mmCIF file of all heavy atoms, coordinates in Angstrom:
data_MODEL
# 
_entry.id   MODEL 
# 
loop_
_atom_site.group_PDB 
_atom_site.id 
_atom_site.type_symbol 
_atom_site.label_atom_id 
_atom_site.label_alt_id 
_atom_site.label_comp_id 
_atom_site.label_asym_id 
_atom_site.label_entity_id 
_atom_site.label_seq_id 
_atom_site.pdbx_PDB_ins_code 
_atom_site.Cartn_x 
_atom_site.Cartn_y 
_atom_site.Cartn_z 
_atom_site.occupancy 
_atom_site.B_iso_or_equiv 
_atom_site.pdbx_formal_charge 
_atom_site.auth_seq_id 
_atom_site.auth_comp_id 
_atom_site.auth_asym_id 
_atom_site.auth_atom_id 
_atom_site.pdbx_PDB_model_num 
ATOM 1   N N   . ASP A 1 1  ? 2.176   -1.466  -2.974  1.00 0.00 ? 1  ASP A N   1 
ATOM 2   C CA  . ASP A 1 1  ? 2.419   -0.706  -4.188  1.00 0.00 ? 1  ASP A CA  1 
ATOM 3   C C   . ASP A 1 1  ? 2.961   0.670   -3.797  1.00 0.00 ? 1  ASP A C   1 
ATOM 4   O O   . ASP A 1 1  ? 2.368   1.369   -2.978  1.00 0.00 ? 1  ASP A O   1 
ATOM 5   C CB  . ASP A 1 1  ? 1.117   -0.559  -4.974  1.00 0.00 ? 1  ASP A CB  1 
ATOM 6   C CG  . ASP A 1 1  ? 1.313   0.173   -6.291  1.00 0.00 ? 1  ASP A CG  1 
ATOM 7   O OD1 . ASP A 1 1  ? 1.462   1.409   -6.257  1.00 0.00 ? 1  ASP A OD1 1 
ATOM 8   O OD2 . ASP A 1 1  ? 1.302   -0.490  -7.332  1.00 0.00 ? 1  ASP A OD2 1 
ATOM 9   N N   . ALA A 1 2  ? 4.080   1.057   -4.366  1.00 0.00 ? 2  ALA A N   1 
ATOM 10  C CA  . ALA A 1 2  ? 4.737   2.307   -3.965  1.00 0.00 ? 2  ALA A CA  1 
ATOM 11  C C   . ALA A 1 2  ? 3.903   3.542   -4.281  1.00 0.00 ? 2  ALA A C   1 
ATOM 12  O O   . ALA A 1 2  ? 4.006   4.555   -3.592  1.00 0.00 ? 2  ALA A O   1 
ATOM 13  C CB  . ALA A 1 2  ? 6.103   2.417   -4.647  1.00 0.00 ? 2  ALA A CB  1 
ATOM 14  N N   . LYS A 1 3  ? 3.050   3.475   -5.296  1.00 0.00 ? 3  LYS A N   1 
ATOM 15  C CA  . LYS A 1 3  ? 2.255   4.642   -5.684  1.00 0.00 ? 3  LYS A CA  1 
ATOM 16  C C   . LYS A 1 3  ? 1.013   4.813   -4.815  1.00 0.00 ? 3  LYS A C   1 
ATOM 17  O O   . LYS A 1 3  ? 0.637   5.931   -4.470  1.00 0.00 ? 3  LYS A O   1 
ATOM 18  C CB  . LYS A 1 3  ? 1.844   4.530   -7.150  1.00 0.00 ? 3  LYS A CB  1 
ATOM 19  C CG  . LYS A 1 3  ? 3.018   4.609   -8.125  1.00 0.00 ? 3  LYS A CG  1 
ATOM 20  C CD  . LYS A 1 3  ? 2.533   4.513   -9.565  1.00 0.00 ? 3  LYS A CD  1 
ATOM 21  C CE  . LYS A 1 3  ? 3.702   4.599   -10.539 1.00 0.00 ? 3  LYS A CE  1 
ATOM 22  N NZ  . LYS A 1 3  ? 3.249   4.466   -11.952 1.00 0.00 ? 3  LYS A NZ  1 
ATOM 23  N N   . THR A 1 4  ? 0.376   3.698   -4.469  1.00 0.00 ? 4  THR A N   1 
ATOM 24  C CA  . THR A 1 4  ? -0.907  3.776   -3.763  1.00 0.00 ? 4  THR A CA  1 
ATOM 25  C C   . THR A 1 4  ? -0.817  3.415   -2.283  1.00 0.00 ? 4  THR A C   1 
ATOM 26  O O   . THR A 1 4  ? -1.739  3.711   -1.519  1.00 0.00 ? 4  THR A O   1 
ATOM 27  C CB  . THR A 1 4  ? -1.921  2.829   -4.415  1.00 0.00 ? 4  THR A CB  1 
ATOM 28  O OG1 . THR A 1 4  ? -1.473  1.465   -4.246  1.00 0.00 ? 4  THR A OG1 1 
ATOM 29  C CG2 . THR A 1 4  ? -2.066  3.128   -5.901  1.00 0.00 ? 4  THR A CG2 1 
ATOM 30  N N   . LEU A 1 5  ? 0.267   2.762   -1.881  1.00 0.00 ? 5  LEU A N   1 
ATOM 31  C CA  . LEU A 1 5  ? 0.423   2.207   -0.531  1.00 0.00 ? 5  LEU A CA  1 
ATOM 32  C C   . LEU A 1 5  ? -0.682  1.207   -0.212  1.00 0.00 ? 5  LEU A C   1 
ATOM 33  O O   . LEU A 1 5  ? -1.054  1.008   0.950   1.00 0.00 ? 5  LEU A O   1 
ATOM 34  C CB  . LEU A 1 5  ? 0.467   3.308   0.529   1.00 0.00 ? 5  LEU A CB  1 
ATOM 35  C CG  . LEU A 1 5  ? 1.664   4.265   0.472   1.00 0.00 ? 5  LEU A CG  1 
ATOM 36  C CD1 . LEU A 1 5  ? 1.668   5.176   1.687   1.00 0.00 ? 5  LEU A CD1 1 
ATOM 37  C CD2 . LEU A 1 5  ? 2.988   3.499   0.384   1.00 0.00 ? 5  LEU A CD2 1 
ATOM 38  N N   . ASP A 1 6  ? -1.205  0.552   -1.250  1.00 0.00 ? 6  ASP A N   1 
ATOM 39  C CA  . ASP A 1 6  ? -2.153  -0.544  -1.084  1.00 0.00 ? 6  ASP A CA  1 
ATOM 40  C C   . ASP A 1 6  ? -1.443  -1.860  -1.384  1.00 0.00 ? 6  ASP A C   1 
ATOM 41  O O   . ASP A 1 6  ? -0.359  -1.884  -1.982  1.00 0.00 ? 6  ASP A O   1 
ATOM 42  C CB  . ASP A 1 6  ? -3.332  -0.393  -2.056  1.00 0.00 ? 6  ASP A CB  1 
ATOM 43  C CG  . ASP A 1 6  ? -4.254  0.749   -1.672  1.00 0.00 ? 6  ASP A CG  1 
ATOM 44  O OD1 . ASP A 1 6  ? -4.379  1.023   -0.459  1.00 0.00 ? 6  ASP A OD1 1 
ATOM 45  O OD2 . ASP A 1 6  ? -4.833  1.376   -2.584  1.00 0.00 ? 6  ASP A OD2 1 
ATOM 46  N N   . LYS A 1 7  ? -2.084  -2.958  -0.997  1.00 0.00 ? 7  LYS A N   1 
ATOM 47  C CA  . LYS A 1 7  ? -1.552  -4.269  -1.362  1.00 0.00 ? 7  LYS A CA  1 
ATOM 48  C C   . LYS A 1 7  ? -1.521  -4.405  -2.872  1.00 0.00 ? 7  LYS A C   1 
ATOM 49  O O   . LYS A 1 7  ? -2.363  -3.829  -3.582  1.00 0.00 ? 7  LYS A O   1 
ATOM 50  C CB  . LYS A 1 7  ? -2.426  -5.379  -0.778  1.00 0.00 ? 7  LYS A CB  1 
ATOM 51  C CG  . LYS A 1 7  ? -2.307  -5.555  0.724   1.00 0.00 ? 7  LYS A CG  1 
ATOM 52  C CD  . LYS A 1 7  ? -3.134  -6.747  1.175   1.00 0.00 ? 7  LYS A CD  1 
ATOM 53  C CE  . LYS A 1 7  ? -2.977  -6.993  2.665   1.00 0.00 ? 7  LYS A CE  1 
ATOM 54  N NZ  . LYS A 1 7  ? -3.767  -8.166  3.113   1.00 0.00 ? 7  LYS A NZ  1 
ATOM 55  N N   . LEU A 1 8  ? -0.576  -5.162  -3.359  1.00 0.00 ? 8  LEU A N   1 
ATOM 56  C CA  . LEU A 1 8  ? -0.541  -5.429  -4.784  1.00 0.00 ? 8  LEU A CA  1 
ATOM 57  C C   . LEU A 1 8  ? -1.640  -6.428  -5.133  1.00 0.00 ? 8  LEU A C   1 
ATOM 58  O O   . LEU A 1 8  ? -2.169  -7.102  -4.271  1.00 0.00 ? 8  LEU A O   1 
ATOM 59  C CB  . LEU A 1 8  ? 0.830   -5.955  -5.207  1.00 0.00 ? 8  LEU A CB  1 
ATOM 60  C CG  . LEU A 1 8  ? 1.914   -4.872  -5.292  1.00 0.00 ? 8  LEU A CG  1 
ATOM 61  C CD1 . LEU A 1 8  ? 2.613   -4.705  -3.963  1.00 0.00 ? 8  LEU A CD1 1 
ATOM 62  C CD2 . LEU A 1 8  ? 2.926   -5.203  -6.369  1.00 0.00 ? 8  LEU A CD2 1 
ATOM 63  N N   . GLY A 1 9  ? -1.962  -6.532  -6.400  1.00 0.00 ? 9  GLY A N   1 
ATOM 64  C CA  . GLY A 1 9  ? -3.011  -7.442  -6.812  1.00 0.00 ? 9  GLY A CA  1 
ATOM 65  C C   . GLY A 1 9  ? -4.319  -6.711  -7.020  1.00 0.00 ? 9  GLY A C   1 
ATOM 66  O O   . GLY A 1 9  ? -4.369  -5.480  -7.070  1.00 0.00 ? 9  GLY A O   1 
ATOM 67  N N   . ASP A 1 10 ? -5.413  -7.487  -7.110  1.00 0.00 ? 10 ASP A N   1 
ATOM 68  C CA  . ASP A 1 10 ? -6.704  -6.885  -7.400  1.00 0.00 ? 10 ASP A CA  1 
ATOM 69  C C   . ASP A 1 10 ? -7.460  -6.443  -6.157  1.00 0.00 ? 10 ASP A C   1 
ATOM 70  O O   . ASP A 1 10 ? -8.568  -5.907  -6.252  1.00 0.00 ? 10 ASP A O   1 
ATOM 71  C CB  . ASP A 1 10 ? -7.569  -7.832  -8.238  1.00 0.00 ? 10 ASP A CB  1 
ATOM 72  C CG  . ASP A 1 10 ? -7.862  -9.154  -7.519  1.00 0.00 ? 10 ASP A CG  1 
ATOM 73  O OD1 . ASP A 1 10 ? -7.657  -9.235  -6.287  1.00 0.00 ? 10 ASP A OD1 1 
ATOM 74  O OD2 . ASP A 1 10 ? -8.302  -10.102 -8.191  1.00 0.00 ? 10 ASP A OD2 1 
ATOM 75  N N   . GLY A 1 11 ? -6.868  -6.678  -4.983  1.00 0.00 ? 11 GLY A N   1 
ATOM 76  C CA  . GLY A 1 11 ? -7.513  -6.264  -3.741  1.00 0.00 ? 11 GLY A CA  1 
ATOM 77  C C   . GLY A 1 11 ? -8.601  -7.196  -3.274  1.00 0.00 ? 11 GLY A C   1 
ATOM 78  O O   . GLY A 1 11 ? -9.189  -6.986  -2.212  1.00 0.00 ? 11 GLY A O   1 
ATOM 79  N N   . VAL A 1 12 ? -8.882  -8.232  -4.055  1.00 0.00 ? 12 VAL A N   1 
ATOM 80  C CA  . VAL A 1 12 ? -9.940  -9.187  -3.704  1.00 0.00 ? 12 VAL A CA  1 
ATOM 81  C C   . VAL A 1 12 ? -9.356  -10.578 -3.449  1.00 0.00 ? 12 VAL A C   1 
ATOM 82  O O   . VAL A 1 12 ? -9.585  -11.190 -2.407  1.00 0.00 ? 12 VAL A O   1 
ATOM 83  C CB  . VAL A 1 12 ? -11.005 -9.256  -4.824  1.00 0.00 ? 12 VAL A CB  1 
ATOM 84  C CG1 . VAL A 1 12 ? -12.073 -10.294 -4.472  1.00 0.00 ? 12 VAL A CG1 1 
ATOM 85  C CG2 . VAL A 1 12 ? -11.639 -7.885  -5.038  1.00 0.00 ? 12 VAL A CG2 1 
ATOM 86  N N   . ASN A 1 13 ? -8.607  -11.061 -4.419  1.00 0.00 ? 13 ASN A N   1 
ATOM 87  C CA  . ASN A 1 13 ? -8.002  -12.391 -4.317  1.00 0.00 ? 13 ASN A CA  1 
ATOM 88  C C   . ASN A 1 13 ? -6.559  -12.278 -3.825  1.00 0.00 ? 13 ASN A C   1 
ATOM 89  O O   . ASN A 1 13 ? -5.744  -11.611 -4.456  1.00 0.00 ? 13 ASN A O   1 
ATOM 90  C CB  . ASN A 1 13 ? -8.020  -13.094 -5.683  1.00 0.00 ? 13 ASN A CB  1 
ATOM 91  C CG  . ASN A 1 13 ? -9.430  -13.252 -6.223  1.00 0.00 ? 13 ASN A CG  1 
ATOM 92  O OD1 . ASN A 1 13 ? -10.287 -13.820 -5.557  1.00 0.00 ? 13 ASN A OD1 1 
ATOM 93  N ND2 . ASN A 1 13 ? -9.667  -12.741 -7.424  1.00 0.00 ? 13 ASN A ND2 1 
ATOM 94  N N   . VAL A 1 14 ? -6.293  -12.929 -2.693  1.00 0.00 ? 14 VAL A N   1 
ATOM 95  C CA  . VAL A 1 14 ? -4.944  -12.873 -2.122  1.00 0.00 ? 14 VAL A CA  1 
ATOM 96  C C   . VAL A 1 14 ? -3.916  -13.401 -3.107  1.00 0.00 ? 14 VAL A C   1 
ATOM 97  O O   . VAL A 1 14 ? -2.774  -12.942 -3.146  1.00 0.00 ? 14 VAL A O   1 
ATOM 98  C CB  . VAL A 1 14 ? -4.889  -13.676 -0.804  1.00 0.00 ? 14 VAL A CB  1 
ATOM 99  C CG1 . VAL A 1 14 ? -3.488  -13.630 -0.201  1.00 0.00 ? 14 VAL A CG1 1 
ATOM 100 C CG2 . VAL A 1 14 ? -5.903  -13.142 0.193   1.00 0.00 ? 14 VAL A CG2 1 
ATOM 101 N N   . SER A 1 15 ? -4.323  -14.367 -3.919  1.00 0.00 ? 15 SER A N   1 
ATOM 102 C CA  . SER A 1 15 ? -3.380  -14.985 -4.857  1.00 0.00 ? 15 SER A CA  1 
ATOM 103 C C   . SER A 1 15 ? -2.757  -13.966 -5.797  1.00 0.00 ? 15 SER A C   1 
ATOM 104 O O   . SER A 1 15 ? -1.586  -14.079 -6.165  1.00 0.00 ? 15 SER A O   1 
ATOM 105 C CB  . SER A 1 15 ? -4.087  -16.072 -5.672  1.00 0.00 ? 15 SER A CB  1 
ATOM 106 O OG  . SER A 1 15 ? -5.148  -15.514 -6.435  1.00 0.00 ? 15 SER A OG  1 
ATOM 107 N N   . THR A 1 16 ? -3.527  -12.920 -6.176  1.00 0.00 ? 16 THR A N   1 
ATOM 108 C CA  . THR A 1 16 ? -2.991  -11.939 -7.127  1.00 0.00 ? 16 THR A CA  1 
ATOM 109 C C   . THR A 1 16 ? -1.876  -11.110 -6.511  1.00 0.00 ? 16 THR A C   1 
ATOM 110 O O   . THR A 1 16 ? -0.982  -10.642 -7.226  1.00 0.00 ? 16 THR A O   1 
ATOM 111 C CB  . THR A 1 16 ? -4.097  -11.009 -7.654  1.00 0.00 ? 16 THR A CB  1 
ATOM 112 O OG1 . THR A 1 16 ? -4.681  -10.279 -6.559  1.00 0.00 ? 16 THR A OG1 1 
ATOM 113 C CG2 . THR A 1 16 ? -5.189  -11.806 -8.357  1.00 0.00 ? 16 THR A CG2 1 
ATOM 114 N N   . GLU A 1 17 ? -1.919  -10.929 -5.193  1.00 0.00 ? 17 GLU A N   1 
ATOM 115 C CA  . GLU A 1 17 ? -0.835  -10.200 -4.516  1.00 0.00 ? 17 GLU A CA  1 
ATOM 116 C C   . GLU A 1 17 ? 0.463   -10.984 -4.642  1.00 0.00 ? 17 GLU A C   1 
ATOM 117 O O   . GLU A 1 17 ? 1.505   -10.442 -5.034  1.00 0.00 ? 17 GLU A O   1 
ATOM 118 C CB  . GLU A 1 17 ? -1.181  -9.988  -3.042  1.00 0.00 ? 17 GLU A CB  1 
ATOM 119 C CG  . GLU A 1 17 ? -0.053  -9.336  -2.243  1.00 0.00 ? 17 GLU A CG  1 
ATOM 120 C CD  . GLU A 1 17 ? -0.291  -9.343  -0.737  1.00 0.00 ? 17 GLU A CD  1 
ATOM 121 O OE1 . GLU A 1 17 ? -1.258  -9.979  -0.285  1.00 0.00 ? 17 GLU A OE1 1 
ATOM 122 O OE2 . GLU A 1 17 ? 0.509   -8.716  -0.023  1.00 0.00 ? 17 GLU A OE2 1 
ATOM 123 N N   . TYR A 1 18 ? 0.425   -12.285 -4.293  1.00 0.00 ? 18 TYR A N   1 
ATOM 124 C CA  . TYR A 1 18 ? 1.611   -13.133 -4.377  1.00 0.00 ? 18 TYR A CA  1 
ATOM 125 C C   . TYR A 1 18 ? 2.115   -13.212 -5.815  1.00 0.00 ? 18 TYR A C   1 
ATOM 126 O O   . TYR A 1 18 ? 3.323   -13.153 -6.066  1.00 0.00 ? 18 TYR A O   1 
ATOM 127 C CB  . TYR A 1 18 ? 1.291   -14.538 -3.868  1.00 0.00 ? 18 TYR A CB  1 
ATOM 128 C CG  . TYR A 1 18 ? 1.200   -14.669 -2.368  1.00 0.00 ? 18 TYR A CG  1 
ATOM 129 C CD1 . TYR A 1 18 ? 0.188   -14.046 -1.642  1.00 0.00 ? 18 TYR A CD1 1 
ATOM 130 C CD2 . TYR A 1 18 ? 2.117   -15.450 -1.658  1.00 0.00 ? 18 TYR A CD2 1 
ATOM 131 C CE1 . TYR A 1 18 ? 0.094   -14.176 -0.270  1.00 0.00 ? 18 TYR A CE1 1 
ATOM 132 C CE2 . TYR A 1 18 ? 2.031   -15.593 -0.277  1.00 0.00 ? 18 TYR A CE2 1 
ATOM 133 C CZ  . TYR A 1 18 ? 1.017   -14.947 0.406   1.00 0.00 ? 18 TYR A CZ  1 
ATOM 134 O OH  . TYR A 1 18 ? 0.932   -15.080 1.775   1.00 0.00 ? 18 TYR A OH  1 
ATOM 135 N N   . GLU A 1 19 ? 1.186   -13.352 -6.762  1.00 0.00 ? 19 GLU A N   1 
ATOM 136 C CA  . GLU A 1 19 ? 1.583   -13.480 -8.167  1.00 0.00 ? 19 GLU A CA  1 
ATOM 137 C C   . GLU A 1 19 ? 2.280   -12.224 -8.673  1.00 0.00 ? 19 GLU A C   1 
ATOM 138 O O   . GLU A 1 19 ? 3.309   -12.315 -9.354  1.00 0.00 ? 19 GLU A O   1 
ATOM 139 C CB  . GLU A 1 19 ? 0.342   -13.773 -9.017  1.00 0.00 ? 19 GLU A CB  1 
ATOM 140 C CG  . GLU A 1 19 ? -0.199  -15.184 -8.817  1.00 0.00 ? 19 GLU A CG  1 
ATOM 141 C CD  . GLU A 1 19 ? -1.606  -15.348 -9.371  1.00 0.00 ? 19 GLU A CD  1 
ATOM 142 O OE1 . GLU A 1 19 ? -2.156  -14.351 -9.907  1.00 0.00 ? 19 GLU A OE1 1 
ATOM 143 O OE2 . GLU A 1 19 ? -2.155  -16.452 -9.251  1.00 0.00 ? 19 GLU A OE2 1 
ATOM 144 N N   . GLN A 1 20 ? 1.759   -11.049 -8.328  1.00 0.00 ? 20 GLN A N   1 
ATOM 145 C CA  . GLN A 1 20 ? 2.386   -9.805  -8.791  1.00 0.00 ? 20 GLN A CA  1 
ATOM 146 C C   . GLN A 1 20 ? 3.752   -9.593  -8.160  1.00 0.00 ? 20 GLN A C   1 
ATOM 147 O O   . GLN A 1 20 ? 4.694   -9.159  -8.825  1.00 0.00 ? 20 GLN A O   1 
ATOM 148 C CB  . GLN A 1 20 ? 1.466   -8.615  -8.510  1.00 0.00 ? 20 GLN A CB  1 
ATOM 149 C CG  . GLN A 1 20 ? 0.328   -8.489  -9.483  1.00 0.00 ? 20 GLN A CG  1 
ATOM 150 C CD  . GLN A 1 20 ? -0.272  -7.087  -9.495  1.00 0.00 ? 20 GLN A CD  1 
ATOM 151 O OE1 . GLN A 1 20 ? 0.358   -6.115  -9.061  1.00 0.00 ? 20 GLN A OE1 1 
ATOM 152 N NE2 . GLN A 1 20 ? -1.479  -6.976  -9.999  1.00 0.00 ? 20 GLN A NE2 1 
ATOM 153 N N   . ILE A 1 21 ? 3.860   -9.892  -6.874  1.00 0.00 ? 21 ILE A N   1 
ATOM 154 C CA  . ILE A 1 21 ? 5.155   -9.742  -6.206  1.00 0.00 ? 21 ILE A CA  1 
ATOM 155 C C   . ILE A 1 21 ? 6.177   -10.682 -6.834  1.00 0.00 ? 21 ILE A C   1 
ATOM 156 O O   . ILE A 1 21 ? 7.319   -10.296 -7.113  1.00 0.00 ? 21 ILE A O   1 
ATOM 157 C CB  . ILE A 1 21 ? 5.021   -10.000 -4.694  1.00 0.00 ? 21 ILE A CB  1 
ATOM 158 C CG1 . ILE A 1 21 ? 4.231   -8.855  -4.041  1.00 0.00 ? 21 ILE A CG1 1 
ATOM 159 C CG2 . ILE A 1 21 ? 6.397   -10.144 -4.030  1.00 0.00 ? 21 ILE A CG2 1 
ATOM 160 C CD1 . ILE A 1 21 ? 3.855   -9.104  -2.600  1.00 0.00 ? 21 ILE A CD1 1 
ATOM 161 N N   . TYR A 1 22 ? 5.758   -11.933 -7.088  1.00 0.00 ? 22 TYR A N   1 
ATOM 162 C CA  . TYR A 1 22 ? 6.679   -12.889 -7.705  1.00 0.00 ? 22 TYR A CA  1 
ATOM 163 C C   . TYR A 1 22 ? 7.101   -12.427 -9.097  1.00 0.00 ? 22 TYR A C   1 
ATOM 164 O O   . TYR A 1 22 ? 8.291   -12.486 -9.452  1.00 0.00 ? 22 TYR A O   1 
ATOM 165 C CB  . TYR A 1 22 ? 6.047   -14.277 -7.792  1.00 0.00 ? 22 TYR A CB  1 
ATOM 166 C CG  . TYR A 1 22 ? 6.871   -15.235 -8.622  1.00 0.00 ? 22 TYR A CG  1 
ATOM 167 C CD1 . TYR A 1 22 ? 8.149   -15.630 -8.205  1.00 0.00 ? 22 TYR A CD1 1 
ATOM 168 C CD2 . TYR A 1 22 ? 6.400   -15.698 -9.851  1.00 0.00 ? 22 TYR A CD2 1 
ATOM 169 C CE1 . TYR A 1 22 ? 8.922   -16.482 -8.991  1.00 0.00 ? 22 TYR A CE1 1 
ATOM 170 C CE2 . TYR A 1 22 ? 7.162   -16.541 -10.628 1.00 0.00 ? 22 TYR A CE2 1 
ATOM 171 C CZ  . TYR A 1 22 ? 8.423   -16.920 -10.200 1.00 0.00 ? 22 TYR A CZ  1 
ATOM 172 O OH  . TYR A 1 22 ? 9.197   -17.755 -10.983 1.00 0.00 ? 22 TYR A OH  1 
ATOM 173 N N   . GLN A 1 23 ? 6.151   -11.967 -9.900  1.00 0.00 ? 23 GLN A N   1 
ATOM 174 C CA  . GLN A 1 23 ? 6.466   -11.547 -11.259 1.00 0.00 ? 23 GLN A CA  1 
ATOM 175 C C   . GLN A 1 23 ? 7.459   -10.383 -11.257 1.00 0.00 ? 23 GLN A C   1 
ATOM 176 O O   . GLN A 1 23 ? 8.421   -10.360 -12.019 1.00 0.00 ? 23 GLN A O   1 
ATOM 177 C CB  . GLN A 1 23 ? 5.184   -11.147 -12.006 1.00 0.00 ? 23 GLN A CB  1 
ATOM 178 C CG  . GLN A 1 23 ? 4.258   -12.300 -12.329 1.00 0.00 ? 23 GLN A CG  1 
ATOM 179 C CD  . GLN A 1 23 ? 4.900   -13.348 -13.227 1.00 0.00 ? 23 GLN A CD  1 
ATOM 180 O OE1 . GLN A 1 23 ? 5.728   -13.017 -14.085 1.00 0.00 ? 23 GLN A OE1 1 
ATOM 181 N NE2 . GLN A 1 23 ? 4.535   -14.599 -13.033 1.00 0.00 ? 23 GLN A NE2 1 
ATOM 182 N N   . LYS A 1 24 ? 7.236   -9.412  -10.385 1.00 0.00 ? 24 LYS A N   1 
ATOM 183 C CA  . LYS A 1 24 ? 8.128   -8.258  -10.304 1.00 0.00 ? 24 LYS A CA  1 
ATOM 184 C C   . LYS A 1 24 ? 9.529   -8.685  -9.858  1.00 0.00 ? 24 LYS A C   1 
ATOM 185 O O   . LYS A 1 24 ? 10.544  -8.244  -10.419 1.00 0.00 ? 24 LYS A O   1 
ATOM 186 C CB  . LYS A 1 24 ? 7.557   -7.213  -9.336  1.00 0.00 ? 24 LYS A CB  1 
ATOM 187 C CG  . LYS A 1 24 ? 6.357   -6.442  -9.862  1.00 0.00 ? 24 LYS A CG  1 
ATOM 188 C CD  . LYS A 1 24 ? 5.795   -5.514  -8.816  1.00 0.00 ? 24 LYS A CD  1 
ATOM 189 C CE  . LYS A 1 24 ? 4.653   -4.673  -9.339  1.00 0.00 ? 24 LYS A CE  1 
ATOM 190 N NZ  . LYS A 1 24 ? 5.098   -3.635  -10.288 1.00 0.00 ? 24 LYS A NZ  1 
ATOM 191 N N   . LEU A 1 25 ? 9.601   -9.528  -8.832  1.00 0.00 ? 25 LEU A N   1 
ATOM 192 C CA  . LEU A 1 25 ? 10.893  -9.978  -8.322  1.00 0.00 ? 25 LEU A CA  1 
ATOM 193 C C   . LEU A 1 25 ? 11.635  -10.838 -9.331  1.00 0.00 ? 25 LEU A C   1 
ATOM 194 O O   . LEU A 1 25 ? 12.843  -10.679 -9.543  1.00 0.00 ? 25 LEU A O   1 
ATOM 195 C CB  . LEU A 1 25 ? 10.706  -10.755 -7.017  1.00 0.00 ? 25 LEU A CB  1 
ATOM 196 C CG  . LEU A 1 25 ? 10.385  -9.953  -5.768  1.00 0.00 ? 25 LEU A CG  1 
ATOM 197 C CD1 . LEU A 1 25 ? 10.025  -10.889 -4.608  1.00 0.00 ? 25 LEU A CD1 1 
ATOM 198 C CD2 . LEU A 1 25 ? 11.571  -9.086  -5.363  1.00 0.00 ? 25 LEU A CD2 1 
ATOM 199 N N   . SER A 1 26 ? 10.921  -11.765 -9.958  1.00 0.00 ? 26 SER A N   1 
ATOM 200 C CA  . SER A 1 26 ? 11.584  -12.694 -10.875 1.00 0.00 ? 26 SER A CA  1 
ATOM 201 C C   . SER A 1 26 ? 12.137  -11.984 -12.101 1.00 0.00 ? 26 SER A C   1 
ATOM 202 O O   . SER A 1 26 ? 13.203  -12.351 -12.619 1.00 0.00 ? 26 SER A O   1 
ATOM 203 C CB  . SER A 1 26 ? 10.597  -13.804 -11.306 1.00 0.00 ? 26 SER A CB  1 
ATOM 204 O OG  . SER A 1 26 ? 9.494   -13.258 -11.987 1.00 0.00 ? 26 SER A OG  1 
# 
């Protein structure tokens, strides 16, 4: 995440990182 420099998603479930990246890209 450009604002926080943390992984995208909820920080707990890896799936949310992939889902957010896909949604933003698509």
